[in-house]
Amino acid sequence: MYNILPLLIFSILRASLVPVFAFGENDLFNQVSNPRGSRLRDIQMKIQKKVAFAPVLFHGRGIFQYTFGLLPHRKPVNVVGKLKKYINLRKVGKIHYMINIMKKII
């Protein structure tokens, strides 16, 4: 089950929701290559054994130069979404109970 708290907050504030899907975000940054047997891969594997995930080294562009930096590259990101007008979630039975609990807490 998804997290219902953001929906409750939007319901109380009577805000509109915009579900969004973005395509092209993978092209905004470049990953440092780490082929098998490289020193970087060995370091990543040692860190992965200790903390359960491998750190990723990435780079984008700089502020005044475009070869290296931490800003994303200037590439298009296609965003698909449509504004959803405010839906009164209090009409839904299961959520009505949770809203009453939230009012008591707040």
Protein backbone atom coordinates (compact mmCIF):
# COMPACT_ATOMS: atom_id res chain seq x y z
CA MET A 1 0.00 0.00 0.00
CA TYR A 2 1.28 3.43 -0.88
CA ASN A 3 1.90 6.16 1.66
CA ILE A 4 -1.39 7.95 2.31
CA LEU A 5 -0.02 10.85 4.39
CA PRO A 6 0.70 13.15 1.40
CA LEU A 7 -2.86 12.60 0.16
CA LEU A 8 -4.20 13.50 3.57
CA ILE A 9 -2.13 16.68 3.68
CA PHE A 10 -3.29 17.69 0.19
CA SER A 11 -6.86 16.95 1.20
CA ILE A 12 -6.68 19.09 4.33
CA LEU A 13 -4.98 21.96 2.47
CA ARG A 14 -7.34 21.55 -0.52
CA ALA A 15 -4.38 21.48 -2.91
CA SER A 16 -4.39 20.14 -6.46
CA LEU A 17 -2.30 17.13 -7.40
CA VAL A 18 -0.14 16.71 -10.49
CA PRO A 19 0.94 13.13 -11.20
CA VAL A 20 4.13 13.37 -13.25
CA PHE A 21 6.27 10.97 -15.24
CA ALA A 22 9.64 12.22 -16.52
CA PHE A 23 11.65 10.67 -19.35
CA GLY A 24 15.29 11.44 -20.11
CA GLU A 25 16.59 11.91 -16.58
CA ASN A 26 19.24 9.22 -17.12
CA ASP A 27 20.95 11.43 -19.70
CA LEU A 28 21.50 14.37 -17.32
CA PHE A 29 24.61 12.92 -15.67
CA ASN A 30 27.45 10.65 -16.79
CA GLN A 31 28.76 7.80 -14.65
CA VAL A 32 32.49 7.28 -14.28
CA SER A 33 33.35 4.03 -16.06
CA ASN A 34 34.44 1.20 -13.79
CA PRO A 35 35.14 -1.98 -15.77
CA ARG A 36 35.72 -5.28 -13.99
CA GLY A 37 39.20 -5.51 -12.51
CA SER A 38 39.68 -1.75 -12.26
CA ARG A 39 40.81 -0.12 -9.03
CA LEU A 40 37.60 1.89 -8.78
CA ARG A 41 35.48 -1.29 -9.05
CA ASP A 42 37.54 -2.91 -6.28
CA ILE A 43 37.00 0.08 -4.00
CA GLN A 44 33.27 0.08 -4.76
CA MET A 45 33.00 -3.64 -3.99
CA LYS A 46 34.82 -3.21 -0.64
CA ILE A 47 32.46 -0.39 0.32
CA GLN A 48 29.47 -2.45 -0.82
CA LYS A 49 30.45 -5.31 1.48
CA LYS A 50 30.56 -2.94 4.47
CA VAL A 51 27.50 -0.73 3.89
CA ALA A 52 25.32 -2.92 1.59
CA PHE A 53 25.33 -0.57 -1.42
CA ALA A 54 27.93 0.52 -3.93
CA PRO A 55 28.63 4.26 -4.21
CA VAL A 56 28.30 5.67 -7.71
CA LEU A 57 30.61 8.35 -9.05
CA PHE A 58 28.90 10.66 -11.50
CA HIS A 59 29.60 13.98 -13.16
CA GLY A 60 27.76 16.53 -15.23
CA ARG A 61 28.87 19.95 -16.37
CA GLY A 62 30.38 22.91 -14.59
CA ILE A 63 29.11 26.47 -14.23
CA PHE A 64 31.53 28.11 -16.66
CA GLN A 65 32.78 25.03 -18.55
CA TYR A 66 30.87 22.06 -19.88
CA THR A 67 33.36 19.20 -19.50
CA PHE A 68 33.18 18.38 -15.78
CA GLY A 69 31.12 19.45 -12.75
CA LEU A 70 28.13 18.63 -10.60
CA LEU A 71 25.41 20.46 -12.54
CA PRO A 72 23.26 18.36 -14.89
CA HIS A 73 23.98 18.42 -18.62
CA ARG A 74 21.68 20.53 -20.76
CA LYS A 75 19.55 17.77 -22.20
CA PRO A 76 15.77 17.76 -22.64
CA VAL A 77 13.61 16.01 -20.04
CA ASN A 78 10.13 15.15 -21.29
CA VAL A 79 7.52 15.51 -18.56
CA VAL A 80 4.07 14.01 -18.90
CA GLY A 81 1.37 14.96 -16.44
CA LYS A 82 -2.09 16.46 -16.08
CA LEU A 83 -3.43 18.61 -13.26
CA LYS A 84 -5.89 16.83 -11.01
CA LYS A 85 -8.34 19.19 -9.37
CA TYR A 86 -8.95 18.90 -5.66
CA ILE A 87 -10.78 15.72 -4.76
CA ASN A 88 -12.55 15.70 -1.41
CA LEU A 89 -11.04 12.59 0.14
CA ARG A 90 -13.34 12.88 3.15
CA LYS A 91 -16.07 11.16 1.14
CA VAL A 92 -14.07 7.96 1.09
CA GLY A 93 -14.84 5.81 4.15
CA LYS A 94 -11.39 4.41 4.91
CA ILE A 95 -9.67 7.73 4.55
CA HIS A 96 -12.34 9.54 6.61
CA TYR A 97 -11.26 7.60 9.68
CA MET A 98 -7.60 8.55 9.12
CA ILE A 99 -8.47 12.22 8.66
CA ASN A 100 -10.25 12.23 12.02
CA ILE A 101 -7.18 10.71 13.64
CA MET A 102 -4.96 13.35 11.97
CA LYS A 103 -7.24 16.13 13.32
CA LYS A 104 -6.88 14.74 16.83
CA ILE A 105 -3.10 14.62 16.46
CA ILE A 106 -2.86 18.14 15.02
